[in-house]
PDB file of all heavy atoms in Angstrom:
ATOM      1  N   TYR A   1      96.846 102.840 114.930  1.00  0.00           N
ATOM      2  CA  TYR A   1      95.568 102.157 115.077  1.00  0.00           C
ATOM      3  C   TYR A   1      95.695 100.734 114.562  1.00  0.00           C
ATOM      4  O   TYR A   1      96.678 100.358 113.929  1.00  0.00           O
ATOM      5  CB  TYR A   1      94.452 102.898 114.338  1.00  0.00           C
ATOM      6  CG  TYR A   1      94.708 103.047 112.863  1.00  0.00           C
ATOM      7  CD1 TYR A   1      94.225 102.109 111.961  1.00  0.00           C
ATOM      8  CD2 TYR A   1      95.442 104.121 112.375  1.00  0.00           C
ATOM      9  CE1 TYR A   1      94.477 102.237 110.613  1.00  0.00           C
ATOM     10  CE2 TYR A   1      95.693 104.250 111.035  1.00  0.00           C
ATOM     11  CZ  TYR A   1      95.208 103.308 110.159  1.00  0.00           C
ATOM     12  OH  TYR A   1      95.460 103.434 108.831  1.00  0.00           O
ATOM     13  N   VAL A   2      94.675  99.949 114.834  1.00  0.00           N
ATOM     14  CA  VAL A   2      94.632  98.549 114.432  1.00  0.00           C
ATOM     15  C   VAL A   2      93.467  98.362 113.466  1.00  0.00           C
ATOM     16  O   VAL A   2      92.391  98.927 113.668  1.00  0.00           O
ATOM     17  CB  VAL A   2      94.435  97.636 115.667  1.00  0.00           C
ATOM     18  CG1 VAL A   2      94.215  96.192 115.265  1.00  0.00           C
ATOM     19  CG2 VAL A   2      95.621  97.758 116.608  1.00  0.00           C
ATOM     20  N   THR A   3      93.705  97.584 112.419  1.00  0.00           N
ATOM     21  CA  THR A   3      92.606  97.178 111.545  1.00  0.00           C
ATOM     22  C   THR A   3      92.440  95.665 111.635  1.00  0.00           C
ATOM     23  O   THR A   3      93.422  94.933 111.724  1.00  0.00           O
ATOM     24  CB  THR A   3      92.850  97.534 110.063  1.00  0.00           C
ATOM     25  OG1 THR A   3      94.010  96.855 109.602  1.00  0.00           O
ATOM     26  CG2 THR A   3      92.995  99.029 109.865  1.00  0.00           C
ATOM     27  N   THR A   4      91.214  95.242 111.646  1.00  0.00           N
ATOM     28  CA  THR A   4      90.891  93.829 111.544  1.00  0.00           C
ATOM     29  C   THR A   4      90.090  93.702 110.258  1.00  0.00           C
ATOM     30  O   THR A   4      88.953  94.175 110.176  1.00  0.00           O
ATOM     31  CB  THR A   4      90.077  93.344 112.755  1.00  0.00           C
ATOM     32  OG1 THR A   4      90.820  93.654 113.936  1.00  0.00           O
ATOM     33  CG2 THR A   4      89.837  91.846 112.679  1.00  0.00           C
ATOM     34  N   SER A   5      90.721  93.140 109.238  1.00  0.00           N
ATOM     35  CA  SER A   5      90.135  93.094 107.901  1.00  0.00           C
ATOM     36  C   SER A   5      89.555  91.737 107.600  1.00  0.00           C
ATOM     37  O   SER A   5      90.096  90.717 108.023  1.00  0.00           O
ATOM     38  CB  SER A   5      91.203  93.411 106.850  1.00  0.00           C
ATOM     39  OG  SER A   5      91.727  94.690 107.066  1.00  0.00           O
ATOM     40  N   GLY A   6      88.486  91.763 106.820  1.00  0.00           N
ATOM     41  CA  GLY A   6      87.900  90.527 106.335  1.00  0.00           C
ATOM     42  C   GLY A   6      88.616  90.032 105.099  1.00  0.00           C
ATOM     43  O   GLY A   6      89.586  90.627 104.633  1.00  0.00           O
ATOM     44  N   ALA A   7      88.130  88.951 104.569  1.00  0.00           N
ATOM     45  CA  ALA A   7      88.718  88.343 103.374  1.00  0.00           C
ATOM     46  C   ALA A   7      88.531  89.248 102.153  1.00  0.00           C
ATOM     47  O   ALA A   7      87.582  90.016 102.079  1.00  0.00           O
ATOM     48  CB  ALA A   7      88.083  86.986 103.111  1.00  0.00           C
ATOM     49  N   SER A   8      89.474  89.139 101.220  1.00  0.00           N
ATOM     50  CA  SER A   8      89.410  89.880  99.963  1.00  0.00           C
ATOM     51  C   SER A   8      89.804  88.955  98.824  1.00  0.00           C
ATOM     52  O   SER A   8      90.570  88.015  99.015  1.00  0.00           O
ATOM     53  CB  SER A   8      90.376  91.066  99.979  1.00  0.00           C
ATOM     54  OG  SER A   8      90.052  91.975 100.982  1.00  0.00           O
ATOM     55  N   LYS A   9      89.265  89.249  97.648  1.00  0.00           N
ATOM     56  CA  LYS A   9      89.612  88.484  96.450  1.00  0.00           C
ATOM     57  C   LYS A   9      89.946  89.449  95.331  1.00  0.00           C
ATOM     58  O   LYS A   9      89.323  90.497  95.188  1.00  0.00           O
ATOM     59  CB  LYS A   9      88.449  87.610  95.994  1.00  0.00           C
ATOM     60  CG  LYS A   9      88.091  86.507  96.969  1.00  0.00           C
ATOM     61  CD  LYS A   9      86.903  85.720  96.469  1.00  0.00           C
ATOM     62  CE  LYS A   9      86.486  84.677  97.485  1.00  0.00           C
ATOM     63  NZ  LYS A   9      85.269  83.971  97.071  1.00  0.00           N
ATOM     64  N   VAL A  10      90.941  89.053  94.526  1.00  0.00           N
ATOM     65  CA  VAL A  10      91.293  89.798  93.320  1.00  0.00           C
ATOM     66  C   VAL A  10      90.909  88.916  92.141  1.00  0.00           C
ATOM     67  O   VAL A  10      91.300  87.755  92.068  1.00  0.00           O
ATOM     68  CB  VAL A  10      92.808  90.125  93.283  1.00  0.00           C
ATOM     69  CG1 VAL A  10      93.163  90.847  91.994  1.00  0.00           C
ATOM     70  CG2 VAL A  10      93.202  90.951  94.500  1.00  0.00           C
ATOM     71  N   PHE A  11      90.094  89.469  91.240  1.00  0.00           N
ATOM     72  CA  PHE A  11      89.603  88.733  90.079  1.00  0.00           C
ATOM     73  C   PHE A  11      90.308  89.212  88.816  1.00  0.00           C
ATOM     74  O   PHE A  11      90.582  90.406  88.675  1.00  0.00           O
ATOM     75  CB  PHE A  11      88.095  88.948  89.910  1.00  0.00           C
ATOM     76  CG  PHE A  11      87.279  88.453  91.069  1.00  0.00           C
ATOM     77  CD1 PHE A  11      86.953  89.289  92.117  1.00  0.00           C
ATOM     78  CD2 PHE A  11      86.833  87.141  91.103  1.00  0.00           C
ATOM     79  CE1 PHE A  11      86.212  88.839  93.192  1.00  0.00           C
ATOM     80  CE2 PHE A  11      86.088  86.675  92.172  1.00  0.00           C
ATOM     81  CZ  PHE A  11      85.774  87.530  93.221  1.00  0.00           C
ATOM     82  N   ASP A  12      90.555  88.302  87.896  1.00  0.00           N
ATOM     83  CA  ASP A  12      91.106  88.710  86.612  1.00  0.00           C
ATOM     84  C   ASP A  12      89.952  89.105  85.690  1.00  0.00           C
ATOM     85  O   ASP A  12      88.786  89.079  86.088  1.00  0.00           O
ATOM     86  CB  ASP A  12      91.997  87.616  86.007  1.00  0.00           C
ATOM     87  CG  ASP A  12      91.239  86.360  85.604  1.00  0.00           C
ATOM     88  OD1 ASP A  12      89.982  86.378  85.531  1.00  0.00           O
ATOM     89  OD2 ASP A  12      91.911  85.343  85.350  1.00  0.00           O
ATOM     90  N   ARG A  13      90.280  89.456  84.454  1.00  0.00           N
ATOM     91  CA  ARG A  13      89.248  89.963  83.535  1.00  0.00           C
ATOM     92  C   ARG A  13      88.176  88.936  83.205  1.00  0.00           C
ATOM     93  O   ARG A  13      87.055  89.292  82.872  1.00  0.00           O
ATOM     94  CB  ARG A  13      89.870  90.514  82.271  1.00  0.00           C
ATOM     95  CG  ARG A  13      90.379  89.445  81.322  1.00  0.00           C
ATOM     96  CD  ARG A  13      90.693  89.951  79.909  1.00  0.00           C
ATOM     97  NE  ARG A  13      91.027  91.329  79.838  1.00  0.00           N
ATOM     98  CZ  ARG A  13      92.228  91.814  79.536  1.00  0.00           C
ATOM     99  NH1 ARG A  13      93.206  91.007  79.268  1.00  0.00           N
ATOM    100  NH2 ARG A  13      92.436  93.104  79.484  1.00  0.00           N
ATOM    101  N   SER A  14      88.479  87.645  83.337  1.00  0.00           N
ATOM    102  CA  SER A  14      87.467  86.626  83.035  1.00  0.00           C
ATOM    103  C   SER A  14      86.616  86.288  84.256  1.00  0.00           C
ATOM    104  O   SER A  14      85.723  85.455  84.166  1.00  0.00           O
ATOM    105  CB  SER A  14      88.136  85.353  82.502  1.00  0.00           C
ATOM    106  OG  SER A  14      88.898  84.745  83.530  1.00  0.00           O
ATOM    107  N   GLY A  15      86.895  86.936  85.398  1.00  0.00           N
ATOM    108  CA  GLY A  15      86.114  86.687  86.604  1.00  0.00           C
ATOM    109  C   GLY A  15      86.679  85.589  87.489  1.00  0.00           C
ATOM    110  O   GLY A  15      86.084  85.259  88.508  1.00  0.00           O
ATOM    111  N   ARG A  16      87.807  85.015  87.073  1.00  0.00           N
ATOM    112  CA  ARG A  16      88.451  83.994  87.915  1.00  0.00           C
ATOM    113  C   ARG A  16      89.198  84.665  89.058  1.00  0.00           C
ATOM    114  O   ARG A  16      89.772  85.738  88.888  1.00  0.00           O
ATOM    115  CB  ARG A  16      89.444  83.174  87.103  1.00  0.00           C
ATOM    116  CG  ARG A  16      88.796  82.183  86.161  1.00  0.00           C
ATOM    117  CD  ARG A  16      89.861  81.389  85.483  1.00  0.00           C
ATOM    118  NE  ARG A  16      90.793  82.381  84.884  1.00  0.00           N
ATOM    119  CZ  ARG A  16      91.675  82.114  83.965  1.00  0.00           C
ATOM    120  NH1 ARG A  16      91.817  80.901  83.526  1.00  0.00           N
ATOM    121  NH2 ARG A  16      92.455  83.048  83.472  1.00  0.00           N
ATOM    122  N   VAL A  17      89.198  83.995  90.189  1.00  0.00           N
ATOM    123  CA  VAL A  17      89.930  84.504  91.348  1.00  0.00           C
ATOM    124  C   VAL A  17      91.417  84.332  91.081  1.00  0.00           C
ATOM    125  O   VAL A  17      91.887  83.223  90.848  1.00  0.00           O
ATOM    126  CB  VAL A  17      89.524  83.759  92.638  1.00  0.00           C
ATOM    127  CG1 VAL A  17      90.374  84.225  93.812  1.00  0.00           C
ATOM    128  CG2 VAL A  17      88.045  83.962  92.934  1.00  0.00           C
ATOM    129  N   GLU A  18      92.133  85.447  91.069  1.00  0.00           N
ATOM    130  CA  GLU A  18      93.577  85.415  90.846  1.00  0.00           C
ATOM    131  C   GLU A  18      94.335  85.330  92.170  1.00  0.00           C
ATOM    132  O   GLU A  18      95.349  84.673  92.266  1.00  0.00           O
ATOM    133  CB  GLU A  18      94.025  86.643  90.064  1.00  0.00           C
ATOM    134  CG  GLU A  18      95.493  86.584  89.738  1.00  0.00           C
ATOM    135  CD  GLU A  18      95.879  87.586  88.690  1.00  0.00           C
ATOM    136  OE1 GLU A  18      95.355  87.520  87.567  1.00  0.00           O
ATOM    137  OE2 GLU A  18      96.720  88.440  89.014  1.00  0.00           O
ATOM    138  N   ASP A  19      93.846  86.023  93.182  1.00  0.00           N
ATOM    139  CA  ASP A  19      94.465  86.006  94.501  1.00  0.00           C
ATOM    140  C   ASP A  19      93.377  86.054  95.564  1.00  0.00           C
ATOM    141  O   ASP A  19      92.333  86.683  95.366  1.00  0.00           O
ATOM    142  CB  ASP A  19      95.394  87.211  94.704  1.00  0.00           C
ATOM    143  CG  ASP A  19      96.668  87.114  93.898  1.00  0.00           C
ATOM    144  OD1 ASP A  19      97.344  86.076  94.004  1.00  0.00           O
ATOM    145  OD2 ASP A  19      96.980  88.071  93.165  1.00  0.00           O
ATOM    146  N   ARG A  20      93.637  85.386  96.686  1.00  0.00           N
ATOM    147  CA  ARG A  20      92.745  85.407  97.852  1.00  0.00           C
ATOM    148  C   ARG A  20      93.565  85.853  99.053  1.00  0.00           C
ATOM    149  O   ARG A  20      94.708  85.472  99.205  1.00  0.00           O
ATOM    150  CB  ARG A  20      92.223  84.015  98.174  1.00  0.00           C
ATOM    151  CG  ARG A  20      91.264  83.451  97.224  1.00  0.00           C
ATOM    152  CD  ARG A  20      90.885  82.027  97.705  1.00  0.00           C
ATOM    153  NE  ARG A  20      90.330  81.264  96.633  1.00  0.00           N
ATOM    154  CZ  ARG A  20      89.044  81.230  96.337  1.00  0.00           C
ATOM    155  NH1 ARG A  20      88.187  81.872  97.074  1.00  0.00           N
ATOM    156  NH2 ARG A  20      88.618  80.525  95.321  1.00  0.00           N
ATOM    157  N   TYR A  21      92.910  86.611  99.907  1.00  0.00           N
ATOM    158  CA  TYR A  21      93.548  87.065 101.132  1.00  0.00           C
ATOM    159  C   TYR A  21      92.562  86.849 102.271  1.00  0.00           C
ATOM    160  O   TYR A  21      91.408  87.250 102.183  1.00  0.00           O
ATOM    161  CB  TYR A  21      93.985  88.526 101.005  1.00  0.00           C
ATOM    162  CG  TYR A  21      94.951  88.656  99.862  1.00  0.00           C
ATOM    163  CD1 TYR A  21      94.509  88.932  98.575  1.00  0.00           C
ATOM    164  CD2 TYR A  21      96.294  88.395 100.060  1.00  0.00           C
ATOM    165  CE1 TYR A  21      95.387  88.983  97.514  1.00  0.00           C
ATOM    166  CE2 TYR A  21      97.184  88.436  99.003  1.00  0.00           C
ATOM    167  CZ  TYR A  21      96.716  88.729  97.734  1.00  0.00           C
ATOM    168  OH  TYR A  21      97.600  88.759  96.679  1.00  0.00           O
ATOM    169  N   THR A  22      93.031  86.190 103.300  1.00  0.00           N
ATOM    170  CA  THR A  22      92.147  85.827 104.404  1.00  0.00           C
ATOM    171  C   THR A  22      91.844  86.990 105.327  1.00  0.00           C
ATOM    172  O   THR A  22      90.938  86.909 106.140  1.00  0.00           O
ATOM    173  CB  THR A  22      92.756  84.682 105.234  1.00  0.00           C
ATOM    174  OG1 THR A  22      94.028  85.103 105.721  1.00  0.00           O
ATOM    175  CG2 THR A  22      92.899  83.425 104.408  1.00  0.00           C
ATOM    176  N   GLY A  23      92.591  88.056 105.216  1.00  0.00           N
ATOM    177  CA  GLY A  23      92.398  89.179 106.124  1.00  0.00           C
ATOM    178  C   GLY A  23      93.188  88.952 107.397  1.00  0.00           C
ATOM    179  O   GLY A  23      94.088  88.119 107.457  1.00  0.00           O
ATOM    180  N   GLY A  24      92.852  89.656 108.427  1.00  0.00           N
ATOM    181  CA  GLY A  24      93.549  89.526 109.693  1.00  0.00           C
ATOM    182  C   GLY A  24      93.724  90.876 110.356  1.00  0.00           C
ATOM    183  O   GLY A  24      93.106  91.865 109.969  1.00  0.00           O
ATOM    184  N   THR A  25      94.574  90.902 111.359  1.00  0.00           N
ATOM    185  CA  THR A  25      94.796  92.106 112.142  1.00  0.00           C
ATOM    186  C   THR A  25      96.151  92.714 111.794  1.00  0.00           C
ATOM    187  O   THR A  25      97.145  92.008 111.702  1.00  0.00           O
ATOM    188  CB  THR A  25      94.745  91.773 113.646  1.00  0.00           C
ATOM    189  OG1 THR A  25      93.454  91.215 113.934  1.00  0.00           O
ATOM    190  CG2 THR A  25      94.949  93.002 114.498  1.00  0.00           C
ATOM    191  N   SER A  26      96.154  94.026 111.586  1.00  0.00           N
ATOM    192  CA  SER A  26      97.382  94.763 111.286  1.00  0.00           C
ATOM    193  C   SER A  26      97.392  96.045 112.096  1.00  0.00           C
ATOM    194  O   SER A  26      96.345  96.612 112.412  1.00  0.00           O
ATOM    195  CB  SER A  26      97.450  95.127 109.803  1.00  0.00           C
ATOM    196  OG  SER A  26      97.439  93.978 109.000  1.00  0.00           O
ATOM    197  N   ARG A  27      98.580  96.521 112.390  1.00  0.00           N
ATOM    198  CA  ARG A  27      98.754  97.789 113.099  1.00  0.00           C
ATOM    199  C   ARG A  27      99.442  98.772 112.153  1.00  0.00           C
ATOM    200  O   ARG A  27     100.395  98.413 111.470  1.00  0.00           O
ATOM    201  CB  ARG A  27      99.595  97.583 114.357  1.00  0.00           C
ATOM    202  CG  ARG A  27      99.698  98.803 115.214  1.00  0.00           C
ATOM    203  CD  ARG A  27     100.184  98.451 116.631  1.00  0.00           C
ATOM    204  NE  ARG A  27     100.144  99.601 117.488  1.00  0.00           N
ATOM    205  CZ  ARG A  27      99.042 100.098 118.064  1.00  0.00           C
ATOM    206  NH1 ARG A  27      97.886  99.508 117.885  1.00  0.00           N
ATOM    207  NH2 ARG A  27      99.093 101.166 118.817  1.00  0.00           N
ATOM    208  N   PHE A  28      98.922  99.995 112.130  1.00  0.00           N
ATOM    209  CA  PHE A  28      99.449 101.026 111.243  1.00  0.00           C
ATOM    210  C   PHE A  28      99.816 102.280 112.010  1.00  0.00           C
ATOM    211  O   PHE A  28      99.239 102.570 113.062  1.00  0.00           O
ATOM    212  CB  PHE A  28      98.411 101.407 110.174  1.00  0.00           C
ATOM    213  CG  PHE A  28      98.173 100.328 109.178  1.00  0.00           C
ATOM    214  CD1 PHE A  28      97.159  99.404 109.369  1.00  0.00           C
ATOM    215  CD2 PHE A  28      98.963 100.212 108.051  1.00  0.00           C
ATOM    216  CE1 PHE A  28      96.938  98.394 108.458  1.00  0.00           C
ATOM    217  CE2 PHE A  28      98.752  99.210 107.132  1.00  0.00           C
ATOM    218  CZ  PHE A  28      97.734  98.291 107.334  1.00  0.00           C
ATOM    219  N   GLN A  29     100.766 103.024 111.448  1.00  0.00           N
ATOM    220  CA  GLN A  29     101.088 104.365 111.921  1.00  0.00           C
ATOM    221  C   GLN A  29     100.869 105.307 110.745  1.00  0.00           C
ATOM    222  O   GLN A  29     101.320 105.033 109.628  1.00  0.00           O
ATOM    223  CB  GLN A  29     102.532 104.452 112.402  1.00  0.00           C
ATOM    224  CG  GLN A  29     102.848 105.801 113.027  1.00  0.00           C
ATOM    225  CD  GLN A  29     104.246 105.837 113.573  1.00  0.00           C
ATOM    226  OE1 GLN A  29     105.179 106.105 112.829  1.00  0.00           O
ATOM    227  NE2 GLN A  29     104.378 105.569 114.861  1.00  0.00           N
TER     228      GLN A  29
END
């Protein structure tokens, strides 16, 4: 199947954004 994902953010303990991911399309088995 295919997933089309939205953006995601990973926050550290102080609430600062540690990582950002724009999302996109992926295919999985």
